[in-house]
């Protein structure tokens, strides 16, 4: 960026941090046969199972923020790897419920340890996981994630430049 540039935008920095995190998690969980997206699914599933829930693919998609079709694709791959079971919901035959197998639970626990180590590294500059700066950062991220985003159409007047 040239002189007088205001620097990177918050959106660019969020994208860069998300990309940095995804790549680091991919590398950390690859030896366990997982990708970052698969890790997100199995780690969420483990937490939900601990809470006594056997979620549907739709519920897991809502929880992770992933598209339902993508969760379905990931679930089939994880099922083929012996890490999860997919069964029809007895209350709704259209819905598929997910649960970790014993092997899936073991792999997920190992992956969580690896990702927690990465998280400690990431948050060290803020003072660590329990630091006030980390709590404030987490609160700010939560605020941003809770804010609805409605993209405007490309020809929307609000996206048109007003200066030549």
Protein backbone atom coordinates (compact mmCIF):
# COMPACT_ATOMS: atom_id res chain seq x y z
CA UNK A 1 0.00 0.00 0.00
CA UNK A 2 1.31 3.44 -0.90
CA UNK A 3 1.89 6.47 1.28
CA UNK A 4 -1.29 7.97 2.64
CA UNK A 5 -3.10 4.64 2.52
CA UNK A 6 -5.27 4.05 5.58
CA UNK A 7 -3.99 0.49 5.84
CA UNK A 8 -5.84 -2.80 5.61
CA UNK A 9 -9.57 -2.74 6.19
CA UNK A 10 -11.16 -4.69 9.05
CA UNK A 11 -12.77 -6.99 6.48
CA UNK A 12 -9.40 -7.78 4.93
CA UNK A 13 -7.89 -8.46 8.37
CA UNK A 14 -10.79 -10.77 9.33
CA UNK A 15 -10.33 -12.65 6.06
CA UNK A 16 -6.56 -12.95 6.61
CA UNK A 17 -6.99 -14.15 10.20
CA UNK A 18 -9.64 -16.67 9.15
CA UNK A 19 -7.37 -17.93 6.37
CA UNK A 20 -4.37 -18.14 8.70
CA UNK A 21 -6.45 -20.09 11.23
CA UNK A 22 -7.91 -22.47 8.64
CA UNK A 23 -4.49 -23.28 7.19
CA UNK A 24 -2.98 -23.84 10.65
CA UNK A 25 -5.85 -26.11 11.73
CA UNK A 26 -5.68 -28.02 8.42
CA UNK A 27 -2.00 -28.72 9.06
CA UNK A 28 -2.55 -29.66 12.71
CA UNK A 29 -5.36 -32.16 12.07
CA UNK A 30 -4.07 -33.61 8.76
CA UNK A 31 -2.05 -36.35 10.55
CA UNK A 32 -5.37 -37.51 12.03
CA UNK A 33 -6.95 -37.73 8.58
CA UNK A 34 -9.09 -34.60 9.02
CA UNK A 35 -9.49 -31.25 7.31
CA UNK A 36 -10.41 -28.05 9.14
CA UNK A 37 -14.03 -28.34 7.98
CA UNK A 38 -14.23 -31.97 9.11
CA UNK A 39 -12.66 -31.00 12.43
CA UNK A 40 -15.31 -28.29 12.91
CA UNK A 41 -17.98 -30.89 12.33
CA UNK A 42 -16.63 -33.63 14.61
CA UNK A 43 -15.61 -31.23 17.41
CA UNK A 44 -19.07 -29.66 17.37
CA UNK A 45 -20.65 -33.10 17.26
CA UNK A 46 -18.61 -34.23 20.27
CA UNK A 47 -19.78 -31.21 22.26
CA UNK A 48 -23.40 -31.74 21.26
CA UNK A 49 -23.20 -35.44 22.16
CA UNK A 50 -21.77 -34.53 25.57
CA UNK A 51 -24.88 -32.40 26.04
CA UNK A 52 -27.04 -35.44 25.25
CA UNK A 53 -27.95 -34.34 21.75
CA UNK A 54 -27.91 -36.46 18.60
CA UNK A 55 -28.23 -33.65 16.09
CA UNK A 56 -29.58 -33.76 12.59
CA UNK A 57 -27.36 -32.67 9.72
CA UNK A 58 -29.44 -29.48 9.55
CA UNK A 59 -28.92 -28.74 13.26
CA UNK A 60 -25.18 -29.32 12.91
CA UNK A 61 -25.10 -27.06 9.85
CA UNK A 62 -26.83 -24.30 11.82
CA UNK A 63 -24.44 -24.79 14.74
CA UNK A 64 -21.25 -24.68 12.63
CA UNK A 65 -22.37 -22.05 10.13
CA UNK A 66 -21.68 -24.43 7.26
CA UNK A 67 -24.13 -25.00 4.42
CA UNK A 68 -26.40 -28.02 4.95
CA UNK A 69 -25.34 -29.56 1.63
CA UNK A 70 -21.67 -29.24 2.63
CA UNK A 71 -22.38 -30.84 6.03
CA UNK A 72 -24.08 -33.72 4.23
CA UNK A 73 -21.02 -34.18 1.98
CA UNK A 74 -18.62 -34.01 4.94
CA UNK A 75 -20.78 -36.44 6.92
CA UNK A 76 -20.67 -39.02 4.12
CA UNK A 77 -16.85 -38.79 3.98
CA UNK A 78 -16.58 -39.04 7.77
CA UNK A 79 -18.96 -42.01 7.76
CA UNK A 80 -16.81 -43.76 5.13
CA UNK A 81 -13.79 -43.16 7.37
CA UNK A 82 -15.62 -44.82 10.27
CA UNK A 83 -15.74 -41.64 12.38
CA UNK A 84 -19.48 -40.97 12.42
CA UNK A 85 -22.76 -42.81 12.03
CA UNK A 86 -25.60 -41.41 9.97
CA UNK A 87 -29.07 -42.72 10.81
CA UNK A 88 -32.61 -41.74 9.93
CA UNK A 89 -34.41 -39.74 12.60
CA UNK A 90 -37.29 -41.93 13.87
CA UNK A 91 -39.43 -38.80 14.32
CA UNK A 92 -38.71 -37.46 10.82
CA UNK A 93 -37.66 -39.99 8.16
CA UNK A 94 -36.38 -37.14 5.93
CA UNK A 95 -33.86 -36.05 8.56
CA UNK A 96 -30.49 -37.71 9.13
CA UNK A 97 -29.04 -37.81 12.64
CA UNK A 98 -25.31 -37.87 13.28
CA UNK A 99 -23.24 -39.43 16.04
CA UNK A 100 -19.53 -40.04 16.52
CA UNK A 101 -18.35 -43.64 16.60
CA UNK A 102 -15.89 -44.71 19.31
CA UNK A 103 -13.08 -44.23 16.79
CA UNK A 104 -14.53 -40.83 15.89
CA UNK A 105 -14.56 -39.78 19.53
CA UNK A 106 -10.92 -40.82 19.97
CA UNK A 107 -9.75 -39.00 16.83
CA UNK A 108 -11.78 -35.92 17.76
CA UNK A 109 -10.27 -35.76 21.24
CA UNK A 110 -6.77 -35.90 19.72
CA UNK A 111 -7.67 -33.20 17.21
CA UNK A 112 -9.07 -30.97 19.94
CA UNK A 113 -5.77 -31.17 21.84
CA UNK A 114 -3.86 -30.15 18.70
CA UNK A 115 -6.23 -27.25 17.98
CA UNK A 116 -6.16 -26.07 21.59
CA UNK A 117 -2.36 -25.85 21.33
CA UNK A 118 -2.76 -23.70 18.20
CA UNK A 119 -5.32 -21.52 19.96
CA UNK A 120 -2.90 -20.92 22.83
CA UNK A 121 -0.27 -19.82 20.29
CA UNK A 122 -2.73 -17.55 18.49
CA UNK A 123 -3.89 -15.86 21.69
CA UNK A 124 -0.47 -15.49 23.31
CA UNK A 125 0.00 -11.92 21.98
CA UNK A 126 -3.26 -10.99 23.75
CA UNK A 127 -2.06 -12.49 27.03
CA UNK A 128 -3.36 -16.05 26.62
CA UNK A 129 -6.71 -17.78 26.69
CA UNK A 130 -7.94 -16.33 29.99
CA UNK A 131 -6.57 -12.81 29.56
CA UNK A 132 -8.86 -9.76 29.68
CA UNK A 133 -7.80 -8.78 26.14
CA UNK A 134 -8.77 -12.24 24.87
CA UNK A 135 -12.17 -12.02 26.57
CA UNK A 136 -12.71 -8.56 25.04
CA UNK A 137 -11.61 -9.86 21.61
CA UNK A 138 -14.00 -12.80 21.94
CA UNK A 139 -16.84 -10.43 22.87
CA UNK A 140 -16.10 -8.27 19.84
CA UNK A 141 -16.01 -11.28 17.51
CA UNK A 142 -19.31 -12.49 18.96
CA UNK A 143 -20.86 -9.08 18.34
CA UNK A 144 -19.72 -9.16 14.72
CA UNK A 145 -20.93 -12.73 14.20
CA UNK A 146 -24.34 -11.85 15.64
CA UNK A 147 -24.76 -8.86 13.30
CA UNK A 148 -26.86 -9.79 10.26
CA UNK A 149 -25.30 -9.22 6.87
CA UNK A 150 -27.46 -8.61 3.84
CA UNK A 151 -25.39 -8.18 0.69
CA UNK A 152 -26.68 -5.54 -1.68
CA UNK A 153 -27.13 -6.27 -5.35
CA UNK A 154 -24.23 -5.17 -7.60
CA UNK A 155 -26.44 -2.56 -9.27
CA UNK A 156 -27.75 -1.24 -5.94
CA UNK A 157 -27.33 2.55 -5.70
CA UNK A 158 -25.54 2.19 -2.36
CA UNK A 159 -22.67 0.37 -4.10
CA UNK A 160 -22.22 2.96 -6.83
CA UNK A 161 -19.29 5.34 -6.48
CA UNK A 162 -20.33 8.94 -6.06
CA UNK A 163 -16.99 10.44 -7.03
CA UNK A 164 -15.26 10.09 -10.40
